[in-house]
Amino acid sequence: MSYKRCSKCNGFFCDILRSLQPNSRIYDIFIEGTDNNFLNGGRLLSLDSDTCLATFTNPDVSADTVFIVSCNKIIGIEIRPPA
């Protein structure tokens, strides 16, 4: 599965997320305009190319909690390339 390109989702990190497969492991995500707002140790569930919203699992809170953020607001992301 790949995500379609959308003109309003044109940031570098939108491109990074677009290149990943659903359920890809995300180690850290840092969000623009926040001091301590980041996701630590989740998985990419989806990227909506119409709204630019990326949805991740959020195991720091609980197994069934999700973290949703605009890919345009991401200023840092830690992933590891496939082995």
C-alpha atoms as a PDB file:
ATOM      1  CA  MET A   1       0.000   0.000   0.000  1.00  0.00           C
ATOM      2  CA  SER A   2       1.225   3.496  -0.753  1.00  0.00           C
ATOM      3  CA  TYR A   3      -0.253   6.883   0.005  1.00  0.00           C
ATOM      4  CA  LYS A   4      -1.180   9.284  -2.800  1.00  0.00           C
ATOM      5  CA  ARG A   5       0.567  12.626  -3.153  1.00  0.00           C
ATOM      6  CA  CYS A   6      -1.489  15.681  -2.171  1.00  0.00           C
ATOM      7  CA  SER A   7      -0.435  19.284  -2.795  1.00  0.00           C
ATOM      8  CA  LYS A   8      -1.254  20.415   0.746  1.00  0.00           C
ATOM      9  CA  CYS A   9       0.696  17.514   2.291  1.00  0.00           C
ATOM     10  CA  ASN A  10       4.006  18.565   0.803  1.00  0.00           C
ATOM     11  CA  GLY A  11       6.377  18.720   3.748  1.00  0.00           C
ATOM     12  CA  PHE A  12       9.523  16.643   4.032  1.00  0.00           C
ATOM     13  CA  PHE A  13       8.066  14.521   6.826  1.00  0.00           C
ATOM     14  CA  CYS A  14       4.840  13.984   4.872  1.00  0.00           C
ATOM     15  CA  ASP A  15       7.055  12.499   2.148  1.00  0.00           C
ATOM     16  CA  ILE A  16       8.831  10.303   4.709  1.00  0.00           C
ATOM     17  CA  LEU A  17       5.529   8.976   6.084  1.00  0.00           C
ATOM     18  CA  ARG A  18       4.182   8.505   2.560  1.00  0.00           C
ATOM     19  CA  SER A  19       7.159   6.254   1.782  1.00  0.00           C
ATOM     20  CA  LEU A  20       6.471   3.968   4.768  1.00  0.00           C
ATOM     21  CA  GLN A  21       4.192   0.962   4.843  1.00  0.00           C
ATOM     22  CA  PRO A  22       1.291   0.869   7.326  1.00  0.00           C
ATOM     23  CA  ASN A  23       2.374  -0.609  10.672  1.00  0.00           C
ATOM     24  CA  SER A  24       5.945   0.701  10.237  1.00  0.00           C
ATOM     25  CA  ARG A  25       7.714   1.221  13.552  1.00  0.00           C
ATOM     26  CA  ILE A  26       8.224   4.877  14.554  1.00  0.00           C
ATOM     27  CA  TYR A  27      10.654   5.463  17.400  1.00  0.00           C
ATOM     28  CA  ASP A  28      10.159   9.196  18.010  1.00  0.00           C
ATOM     29  CA  ILE A  29       8.121  12.032  16.471  1.00  0.00           C
ATOM     30  CA  PHE A  30       8.588  15.667  17.431  1.00  0.00           C
ATOM     31  CA  ILE A  31       5.820  18.199  16.758  1.00  0.00           C
ATOM     32  CA  GLU A  32       6.271  21.867  15.808  1.00  0.00           C
ATOM     33  CA  GLY A  33       5.379  24.431  18.462  1.00  0.00           C
ATOM     34  CA  THR A  34       5.487  22.084  21.442  1.00  0.00           C
ATOM     35  CA  ASP A  35       8.036  21.527  24.170  1.00  0.00           C
ATOM     36  CA  ASN A  36       7.418  17.924  25.121  1.00  0.00           C
ATOM     37  CA  ASN A  37       4.854  16.705  22.626  1.00  0.00           C
ATOM     38  CA  PHE A  38       6.224  13.622  20.973  1.00  0.00           C
ATOM     39  CA  LEU A  39       5.363  10.017  20.352  1.00  0.00           C
ATOM     40  CA  ASN A  40       7.789   7.421  21.607  1.00  0.00           C
ATOM     41  CA  GLY A  41       7.599   3.914  20.222  1.00  0.00           C
ATOM     42  CA  GLY A  42       4.455   3.746  18.094  1.00  0.00           C
ATOM     43  CA  ARG A  43       3.510   2.443  14.669  1.00  0.00           C
ATOM     44  CA  LEU A  44       2.132   4.254  11.639  1.00  0.00           C
ATOM     45  CA  LEU A  45      -1.498   3.267  11.129  1.00  0.00           C
ATOM     46  CA  SER A  46      -2.439   5.593   8.265  1.00  0.00           C
ATOM     47  CA  LEU A  47      -1.777   8.847   6.437  1.00  0.00           C
ATOM     48  CA  ASP A  48      -4.831  10.658   5.056  1.00  0.00           C
ATOM     49  CA  SER A  49      -3.724  12.514   1.929  1.00  0.00           C
ATOM     50  CA  ASP A  50      -6.840  14.698   1.954  1.00  0.00           C
ATOM     51  CA  THR A  51      -6.374  16.051   5.488  1.00  0.00           C
ATOM     52  CA  CYS A  52      -2.608  15.395   5.967  1.00  0.00           C
ATOM     53  CA  LEU A  53      -3.417  13.626   9.241  1.00  0.00           C
ATOM     54  CA  ALA A  54      -1.131  10.803  10.244  1.00  0.00           C
ATOM     55  CA  THR A  55      -2.420   8.278  12.774  1.00  0.00           C
ATOM     56  CA  PHE A  56      -0.081   6.257  14.985  1.00  0.00           C
ATOM     57  CA  THR A  57      -0.484   3.750  17.770  1.00  0.00           C
ATOM     58  CA  ASN A  58       0.487   5.243  21.124  1.00  0.00           C
ATOM     59  CA  PRO A  59       1.638   2.464  23.465  1.00  0.00           C
ATOM     60  CA  ASP A  60       2.918   5.018  26.003  1.00  0.00           C
ATOM     61  CA  VAL A  61      -0.709   5.663  26.957  1.00  0.00           C
ATOM     62  CA  SER A  62      -2.306   2.253  26.325  1.00  0.00           C
ATOM     63  CA  ALA A  63      -2.417  -0.460  23.698  1.00  0.00           C
ATOM     64  CA  ASP A  64      -5.615   0.858  22.098  1.00  0.00           C
ATOM     65  CA  THR A  65      -4.756   4.593  22.103  1.00  0.00           C
ATOM     66  CA  VAL A  66      -3.914   6.466  18.910  1.00  0.00           C
ATOM     67  CA  PHE A  67      -1.912   9.636  18.284  1.00  0.00           C
ATOM     68  CA  ILE A  68      -3.068  11.856  15.393  1.00  0.00           C
ATOM     69  CA  VAL A  69      -1.005  14.742  14.002  1.00  0.00           C
ATOM     70  CA  SER A  70      -0.737  16.710  10.774  1.00  0.00           C
ATOM     71  CA  CYS A  71       2.321  15.512   8.884  1.00  0.00           C
ATOM     72  CA  ASN A  72       2.981  19.190   8.087  1.00  0.00           C
ATOM     73  CA  LYS A  73       3.565  19.852  11.812  1.00  0.00           C
ATOM     74  CA  ILE A  74       6.209  17.148  12.282  1.00  0.00           C
ATOM     75  CA  ILE A  75       9.702  18.623  12.731  1.00  0.00           C
ATOM     76  CA  GLY A  76      11.585  15.439  13.570  1.00  0.00           C
ATOM     77  CA  ILE A  77      11.106  11.708  13.231  1.00  0.00           C
ATOM     78  CA  GLU A  78      13.194   8.695  14.156  1.00  0.00           C
ATOM     79  CA  ILE A  79      12.739   5.552  12.118  1.00  0.00           C
ATOM     80  CA  ARG A  80      15.048   2.706  11.282  1.00  0.00           C
ATOM     81  CA  PRO A  81      15.505   1.445   7.745  1.00  0.00           C
ATOM     82  CA  PRO A  82      14.272  -2.067   6.966  1.00  0.00           C
ATOM     83  CA  ALA A  83      16.820  -4.769   7.757  1.00  0.00           C
END
